[in-house]
Amino acid sequence: MSILFTPTRLGTLDVANRFVRSATGEGMCEADGAVTAALVDVYRALAVGGTGLIVTGHSFVRADGKAGAGMTGVHSDAMLPGLSALVGAVHETSAKVVCQLNHAGRQTQPEAIGGATPVAPSAVTNPANCVTPRELEAEEIEPLIEAYVDAAERCRRAGFDGVQLHCAHGYLMSEFISPHTNRRDDEWGGSVAARARFPLEVLRRIRSRLGREFPVLVKLNAEDFIAGGLILEESCAIGGLLEAEGIDAIEISAGMAETVERIMRKDITTEEQEAYFLPYARAFRQHVSVPLLCVAGLRSLAVMEQVVEGGAADMVSLCRPLIREPDLPAKFAAGSSRRATCISCNQCVRGPGKRLGCALDQTVA
């Protein structure tokens, strides 16, 4: 049996296999962030399709942190019925589901928050829309931390198996840890430890309120791919700080708004082009002992097996292939060894406020 179909454990969370659906913003919710029936169907298909651990699309913890229209909300108890329906659909199978908690920071779309100016650690312009955010006052940071903790508690009430903190891709947590977007000279900026204070404090508060048994994962940038941005040495150190505070697993990614083309590389046609963030996982393995999730460019069963068998990561995390083939793990389990049919054209990810979907013919054998 392939190692990909052996069970694993992330903290207290038992997962039936090594396949992860990496968080993928679907843009399918109501204007207020409420889950729709169509979104529930997406998660049901992923669960039935054999993915062991499903991470939801990024979900805003506070109304002023929406990346765009259609983003899932976990900011209010009014969201609970839809969130519970989503969890229920996944739990019809053996799959587990964790909710990715996010605030978009400077990458918040002003039109999604009534034209207001986005907030961020520092007033560094977002090149994607040329909007300059307002720098958070020190006294505004505490309520933001509590918004994450409240959202985590809300997720537990909805039945989620855990949460994942989004500390990558240039959103708020990622902005705090990056020297490119965090230019503060107070206790929230400067050294690596000070820049990591925000995600660390969120983790501590979640642990204090919900206990050690509730699984908390993190998606963490290894690098920003920007001059003056986060580098691998710093990120590995932050991974160690998170482990010391009780993080249960780390999914390793990279990049932000300025470098999106390096997050989602196009034209992946050979095995040699796959798993392009694997070197980061190998580097992290030298600094942390918690389970690692390897993401980016995975298309072939053989490459996925090599990632886990080689010890660099404990699980393989897929995004684009599961948009096209939500049943890809089940196909592998049934004996298929062909590559995923995703052609890495990136037409599925259509930008903030636009619905996710494969641009190709959806009939896949």
Protein backbone atom coordinates (compact mmCIF):
# COMPACT_ATOMS: atom_id res chain seq x y z
CA MET A 1 0.00 0.00 0.00
CA SER A 2 1.19 3.49 -0.82
CA ILE A 3 2.37 5.51 2.17
CA LEU A 4 -0.11 8.17 1.06
CA PHE A 5 -2.94 5.93 2.25
CA THR A 6 -1.57 5.37 5.73
CA PRO A 7 -3.03 7.29 8.68
CA THR A 8 -1.28 10.13 10.46
CA ARG A 9 -1.88 12.41 13.43
CA LEU A 10 -1.64 16.18 13.82
CA GLY A 11 -1.73 16.88 17.53
CA THR A 12 -4.96 15.21 18.66
CA LEU A 13 -6.34 15.03 15.11
CA ASP A 14 -6.29 11.61 13.47
CA VAL A 15 -6.36 11.72 9.66
CA ALA A 16 -7.05 8.67 7.51
CA ASN A 17 -4.51 9.43 4.77
CA ARG A 18 -1.80 11.89 3.76
CA PHE A 19 -3.80 14.01 1.30
CA VAL A 20 -4.68 17.59 2.23
CA ARG A 21 -6.87 19.98 0.34
CA SER A 22 -4.94 23.21 0.69
CA ALA A 23 -7.04 26.26 1.51
CA THR A 24 -8.56 27.66 -1.66
CA GLY A 25 -10.80 30.73 -1.61
CA GLU A 26 -13.94 29.77 -3.49
CA GLY A 27 -15.78 33.13 -3.67
CA MET A 28 -19.10 31.30 -3.32
CA CYS A 29 -20.60 32.72 -0.12
CA GLU A 30 -23.36 35.24 0.40
CA ALA A 31 -22.53 38.94 0.66
CA ASP A 32 -22.35 38.67 4.45
CA GLY A 33 -20.06 35.62 4.32
CA ALA A 34 -22.73 32.99 4.93
CA VAL A 35 -22.06 29.54 3.48
CA THR A 36 -24.23 28.61 0.48
CA ALA A 37 -25.63 25.25 -0.58
CA ALA A 38 -23.31 25.34 -3.59
CA LEU A 39 -20.29 25.67 -1.31
CA VAL A 40 -21.47 22.77 0.84
CA ASP A 41 -21.60 20.67 -2.34
CA VAL A 42 -17.95 21.56 -3.07
CA TYR A 43 -16.89 20.24 0.32
CA ARG A 44 -19.03 17.14 0.04
CA ALA A 45 -17.34 16.32 -3.28
CA LEU A 46 -13.88 16.78 -1.76
CA ALA A 47 -14.73 14.52 1.16
CA VAL A 48 -16.30 11.82 -0.99
CA GLY A 49 -13.32 12.16 -3.34
CA GLY A 50 -10.97 10.79 -0.72
CA THR A 51 -9.06 13.75 0.70
CA GLY A 52 -8.16 12.96 4.31
CA LEU A 53 -7.88 16.54 5.58
CA ILE A 54 -9.74 19.46 4.04
CA VAL A 55 -8.72 23.03 4.83
CA THR A 56 -11.43 25.54 4.02
CA GLY A 57 -10.92 28.59 1.90
CA HIS A 58 -9.64 31.53 3.91
CA SER A 59 -12.40 32.84 6.16
CA PHE A 60 -12.53 36.37 7.52
CA VAL A 61 -12.43 36.75 11.29
CA ARG A 62 -13.66 40.34 11.23
CA ALA A 63 -15.81 42.24 8.76
CA ASP A 64 -13.03 44.71 7.90
CA GLY A 65 -10.75 41.88 6.73
CA LYS A 66 -12.59 40.57 3.65
CA ALA A 67 -10.28 39.84 0.74
CA GLY A 68 -13.23 40.17 -1.63
CA ALA A 69 -16.86 39.35 -2.32
CA GLY A 70 -17.94 35.77 -1.72
CA MET A 71 -15.37 35.10 1.02
CA THR A 72 -16.51 32.85 3.86
CA GLY A 73 -17.22 34.56 7.17
CA VAL A 74 -16.44 33.25 10.66
CA HIS A 75 -16.84 36.66 12.26
CA SER A 76 -20.36 36.26 13.64
CA ASP A 77 -22.58 33.66 15.26
CA ALA A 78 -25.00 34.29 12.39
CA MET A 79 -22.58 32.23 10.26
CA LEU A 80 -22.95 29.11 12.42
CA PRO A 81 -25.81 27.37 10.57
CA GLY A 82 -23.97 27.44 7.25
CA LEU A 83 -20.64 26.51 8.78
CA SER A 84 -22.26 23.58 10.58
CA ALA A 85 -23.84 22.42 7.32
CA LEU A 86 -20.43 22.46 5.64
CA VAL A 87 -18.88 20.46 8.47
CA GLY A 88 -21.79 18.03 8.41
CA ALA A 89 -21.29 17.33 4.71
CA VAL A 90 -17.61 16.51 5.26
CA HIS A 91 -18.35 14.36 8.30
CA GLU A 92 -20.67 12.16 6.26
CA THR A 93 -17.33 10.56 5.33
CA SER A 94 -14.17 9.83 7.33
CA ALA A 95 -12.59 13.10 6.19
CA LYS A 96 -11.62 15.83 8.64
CA VAL A 97 -12.05 19.56 8.07
CA VAL A 98 -10.30 22.56 9.59
CA CYS A 99 -11.20 26.19 8.99
CA GLN A 100 -8.54 28.61 7.80
CA LEU A 101 -8.76 31.84 9.80
CA ASN A 102 -7.73 35.03 8.05
CA HIS A 103 -7.84 38.79 7.98
CA ALA A 104 -6.76 40.15 4.62
CA GLY A 105 -4.89 43.16 6.03
CA ARG A 106 -3.60 45.42 3.26
CA GLN A 107 -4.93 42.90 0.72
CA THR A 108 -8.49 43.64 1.82
CA GLN A 109 -10.51 44.96 -1.11
CA PRO A 110 -11.98 48.37 -0.15
CA GLU A 111 -15.15 47.68 -2.14
CA ALA A 112 -15.72 44.56 -0.02
CA ILE A 113 -15.75 46.62 3.19
CA GLY A 114 -17.92 49.52 2.11
CA GLY A 115 -15.11 51.63 0.68
CA ALA A 116 -13.18 51.82 3.95
CA THR A 117 -9.39 51.92 4.01
CA PRO A 118 -7.81 48.55 4.83
CA VAL A 119 -5.69 48.23 7.97
CA ALA A 120 -2.23 46.67 8.24
CA PRO A 121 0.84 46.64 10.50
CA SER A 122 2.37 49.44 8.41
CA ALA A 123 1.21 51.74 5.61
CA VAL A 124 2.87 49.79 2.77
CA THR A 125 0.98 50.03 -0.52
CA ASN A 126 -0.59 46.88 -1.98
CA PRO A 127 0.70 46.77 -5.57
CA ALA A 128 -2.21 44.60 -6.68
CA ASN A 129 -4.66 47.49 -6.35
CA CYS A 130 -2.40 50.45 -5.47
CA VAL A 131 -4.24 50.96 -2.17
CA THR A 132 -2.21 52.15 0.80
CA PRO A 133 -3.56 50.74 4.08
CA ARG A 134 -3.84 52.59 7.35
CA GLU A 135 -1.27 51.58 9.96
CA LEU A 136 -2.86 49.97 12.99
CA GLU A 137 -2.57 51.88 16.23
CA ALA A 138 -1.09 49.76 19.02
CA GLU A 139 -4.40 49.76 20.91
CA GLU A 140 -6.18 48.36 17.83
CA ILE A 141 -4.14 45.16 17.80
CA GLU A 142 -5.65 43.60 20.92
CA PRO A 143 -9.21 43.53 19.46
CA LEU A 144 -7.83 41.91 16.31
CA ILE A 145 -6.22 39.14 18.35
CA GLU A 146 -9.51 38.53 20.11
CA ALA A 147 -11.31 38.39 16.75
CA TYR A 148 -9.14 35.42 15.77
CA VAL A 149 -9.75 33.71 19.11
CA ASP A 150 -13.50 34.32 18.92
CA ALA A 151 -13.51 32.88 15.40
CA ALA A 152 -11.62 29.78 16.54
CA GLU A 153 -14.16 29.21 19.29
CA ARG A 154 -16.98 29.71 16.78
CA CYS A 155 -15.39 27.09 14.53
CA ARG A 156 -15.28 24.60 17.36
CA ARG A 157 -18.96 25.25 18.04
CA ALA A 158 -19.70 24.63 14.35
CA GLY A 159 -18.02 21.22 14.63
CA PHE A 160 -14.75 21.86 12.82
CA ASP A 161 -11.92 19.47 13.65
CA GLY A 162 -9.53 22.38 14.14
CA VAL A 163 -8.39 25.66 12.64
CA GLN A 164 -5.49 26.83 10.53
CA LEU A 165 -3.97 30.29 11.02
CA HIS A 166 -3.19 31.92 7.67
CA CYS A 167 0.29 33.36 8.14
CA ALA A 168 1.26 33.41 4.46
CA HIS A 169 0.70 35.13 1.11
CA GLY A 170 0.77 38.71 2.34
CA TYR A 171 -2.38 38.74 4.45
CA LEU A 172 -2.46 40.28 7.93
CA MET A 173 -0.49 37.66 9.89
CA SER A 174 1.99 37.37 7.04
CA GLU A 175 2.31 41.16 7.02
CA PHE A 176 3.20 41.15 10.71
CA ILE A 177 6.04 38.64 10.32
CA SER A 178 7.52 40.23 7.19
CA PRO A 179 10.01 43.10 7.50
CA HIS A 180 8.74 44.34 4.13
CA THR A 181 5.22 45.00 5.40
CA ASN A 182 5.97 45.44 9.12
CA ARG A 183 8.07 48.55 9.64
CA ARG A 184 6.87 49.25 13.15
CA ASP A 185 9.23 50.43 15.87
CA ASP A 186 7.06 49.35 18.82
CA GLU A 187 6.70 45.97 20.51
CA TRP A 188 4.98 44.54 17.40
CA GLY A 189 7.88 45.14 14.99
CA GLY A 190 11.64 45.02 14.58
CA SER A 191 13.20 41.70 15.59
CA VAL A 192 11.99 38.33 14.34
CA ALA A 193 10.47 37.58 17.75
CA ALA A 194 8.67 40.93 17.84
CA ARG A 195 7.31 40.51 14.30
CA ALA A 196 6.12 37.02 15.24
CA ARG A 197 4.37 38.32 18.34
CA PHE A 198 0.97 38.71 16.64
CA PRO A 199 0.53 35.09 15.44
CA LEU A 200 2.13 33.79 18.63
CA GLU A 201 -0.28 35.77 20.78
CA VAL A 202 -3.25 34.52 18.75
CA LEU A 203 -2.05 30.94 19.26
CA ARG A 204 -1.54 31.46 22.99
CA ARG A 205 -5.02 32.92 23.41
CA ILE A 206 -6.65 30.10 21.45
CA ARG A 207 -4.84 27.58 23.63
CA SER A 208 -5.89 29.45 26.77
CA ARG A 209 -9.54 29.55 25.79
CA LEU A 210 -10.00 26.25 23.93
CA GLY A 211 -7.34 24.07 25.53
CA ARG A 212 -4.47 21.99 24.20
CA GLU A 213 -6.77 19.36 22.72
CA PHE A 214 -8.23 21.59 19.98
CA PRO A 215 -6.02 21.27 16.88
CA VAL A 216 -4.39 24.47 15.62
CA LEU A 217 -2.35 24.44 12.41
CA VAL A 218 -0.58 27.26 10.61
CA LYS A 219 0.14 28.08 6.97
CA LEU A 220 3.47 29.89 7.09
CA ASN A 221 5.49 31.75 4.51
CA ALA A 222 9.02 30.43 4.10
CA GLU A 223 9.98 33.46 2.03
CA ASP A 224 8.24 36.50 0.54
CA PHE A 225 10.33 36.55 -2.68
CA ILE A 226 10.80 40.30 -2.15
CA ALA A 227 13.93 42.30 -1.42
CA GLY A 228 13.75 43.22 2.24
CA GLY A 229 11.05 40.64 2.88
CA LEU A 230 10.89 37.51 5.02
CA ILE A 231 13.71 35.04 4.40
CA LEU A 232 13.94 31.32 5.10
CA GLU A 233 16.23 31.64 8.13
CA GLU A 234 13.71 33.93 9.83
CA SER A 235 10.77 31.75 8.89
CA CYS A 236 12.41 28.63 10.32
CA ALA A 237 12.98 30.55 13.56
CA ILE A 238 9.30 31.55 13.62
CA GLY A 239 8.37 27.92 13.05
CA GLY A 240 10.35 27.04 16.15
CA LEU A 241 8.58 29.73 18.17
CA LEU A 242 5.21 28.42 17.02
CA GLU A 243 6.19 24.87 17.94
CA ALA A 244 7.19 26.05 21.42
CA GLU A 245 3.71 27.55 21.83
CA GLY A 246 2.01 24.31 20.82
CA ILE A 247 1.24 24.52 17.09
CA ASP A 248 0.13 21.11 15.80
CA ALA A 249 1.36 21.27 12.19
CA ILE A 250 2.93 23.69 9.72
CA GLU A 251 1.98 23.99 6.06
CA ILE A 252 4.89 25.67 4.30
CA SER A 253 4.21 28.11 1.49
CA ALA A 254 5.77 31.34 0.18
CA GLY A 255 5.10 34.61 -1.63
CA MET A 256 2.67 37.52 -1.41
CA ALA A 257 0.75 39.91 -3.67
CA GLU A 258 3.89 41.18 -5.36
CA THR A 259 5.05 37.68 -6.24
CA VAL A 260 1.87 35.69 -6.88
CA GLU A 261 3.33 34.16 -10.05
CA ARG A 262 5.88 32.35 -7.86
CA ILE A 263 3.19 30.98 -5.55
CA MET A 264 1.21 29.39 -8.38
CA ARG A 265 3.68 28.47 -11.09
CA LYS A 266 2.27 27.77 -14.52
CA ASP A 267 2.94 25.00 -17.04
CA ILE A 268 3.94 22.22 -14.67
CA THR A 269 4.42 19.38 -17.15
CA THR A 270 7.24 17.22 -15.72
CA GLU A 271 7.96 15.58 -12.39
CA GLU A 272 11.08 17.74 -12.07
CA GLN A 273 8.88 20.86 -12.02
CA GLU A 274 6.66 19.53 -9.24
CA ALA A 275 6.92 20.08 -5.47
CA TYR A 276 8.73 23.38 -5.94
CA PHE A 277 8.44 24.30 -2.25
CA LEU A 278 9.90 20.95 -1.15
CA PRO A 279 13.32 22.52 -0.37
CA TYR A 280 11.59 24.70 2.20
CA ALA A 281 10.03 21.67 3.86
CA ARG A 282 13.46 20.06 4.05
CA ALA A 283 14.86 23.20 5.67
CA PHE A 284 12.05 23.36 8.21
CA ARG A 285 12.58 19.71 9.07
CA GLN A 286 15.97 20.69 10.48
CA HIS A 287 14.34 23.15 12.91
CA VAL A 288 10.98 21.72 13.99
CA SER A 289 9.61 18.31 14.90
CA VAL A 290 5.89 18.96 14.38
CA PRO A 291 4.19 17.48 11.30
CA LEU A 292 4.84 19.37 8.06
CA LEU A 293 2.54 19.78 5.06
CA CYS A 294 4.20 20.22 1.66
CA VAL A 295 2.29 22.28 -0.91
CA ALA A 296 2.88 23.62 -4.44
CA GLY A 297 2.94 21.95 -7.82
CA LEU A 298 2.20 18.36 -6.80
CA ARG A 299 0.72 16.43 -9.73
CA SER A 300 2.17 12.90 -9.78
CA LEU A 301 1.55 10.07 -7.34
CA ALA A 302 5.23 9.11 -7.47
CA VAL A 303 6.38 12.61 -6.51
CA MET A 304 3.86 12.81 -3.68
CA GLU A 305 5.08 9.46 -2.36
CA GLN A 306 8.69 10.64 -2.52
CA VAL A 307 7.83 13.75 -0.48
CA VAL A 308 6.44 11.68 2.38
CA GLU A 309 8.74 8.65 2.10
CA GLY A 310 11.76 10.95 2.07
CA GLY A 311 10.73 12.41 5.42
CA ALA A 312 10.58 16.04 4.31
CA ALA A 313 6.85 16.25 5.01
CA ASP A 314 4.13 14.18 6.62
CA MET A 315 1.33 15.14 4.22
CA VAL A 316 0.94 16.45 0.66
CA SER A 317 -1.26 19.48 0.17
CA LEU A 318 -3.09 20.04 -3.13
CA CYS A 319 -4.95 23.06 -4.45
CA ARG A 320 -5.36 23.32 -8.22
CA PRO A 321 -5.52 19.56 -8.96
CA LEU A 322 -8.51 19.18 -6.62
CA ILE A 323 -10.34 22.06 -8.28
CA ARG A 324 -10.30 20.05 -11.50
CA GLU A 325 -10.53 16.58 -9.92
CA PRO A 326 -11.97 16.59 -6.39
CA ASP A 327 -11.86 12.79 -6.51
CA LEU A 328 -8.16 12.55 -7.38
CA PRO A 329 -7.18 10.76 -4.12
CA ALA A 330 -9.93 8.20 -4.68
CA LYS A 331 -8.62 7.57 -8.19
CA PHE A 332 -5.15 6.98 -6.80
CA ALA A 333 -6.61 4.66 -4.17
CA ALA A 334 -8.37 2.68 -6.91
CA GLY A 335 -5.05 2.02 -8.63
CA SER A 336 -4.62 4.92 -11.03
CA SER A 337 -1.07 6.21 -11.31
CA ARG A 338 -1.60 8.85 -14.00
CA ARG A 339 -0.77 12.49 -13.37
CA ALA A 340 -3.44 14.89 -12.27
CA THR A 341 -5.07 16.40 -15.35
CA CYS A 342 -4.67 19.97 -14.06
CA ILE A 343 -2.58 21.86 -16.64
CA SER A 344 -1.57 24.65 -14.21
CA CYS A 345 -3.05 27.40 -16.37
CA ASN A 346 -4.28 29.28 -13.26
CA GLN A 347 -7.57 30.20 -14.92
CA CYS A 348 -9.33 28.56 -11.95
CA VAL A 349 -8.16 31.28 -9.56
CA ARG A 350 -9.89 34.33 -10.91
CA GLY A 351 -9.07 36.89 -8.25
CA PRO A 352 -10.81 38.35 -5.20
CA GLY A 353 -14.58 38.27 -5.41
CA LYS A 354 -14.73 35.85 -8.35
CA ARG A 355 -15.92 32.26 -8.10
CA LEU A 356 -13.41 29.44 -8.23
CA GLY A 357 -13.69 26.86 -10.99
CA CYS A 358 -11.69 24.91 -13.55
CA ALA A 359 -11.71 26.58 -16.97
CA LEU A 360 -11.45 23.25 -18.80
CA ASP A 361 -14.05 20.63 -19.64
CA GLN A 362 -15.09 19.14 -16.31
CA THR A 363 -15.49 15.60 -17.67
CA VAL A 364 -12.41 13.80 -16.35
CA ALA A 365 -12.03 10.02 -16.41
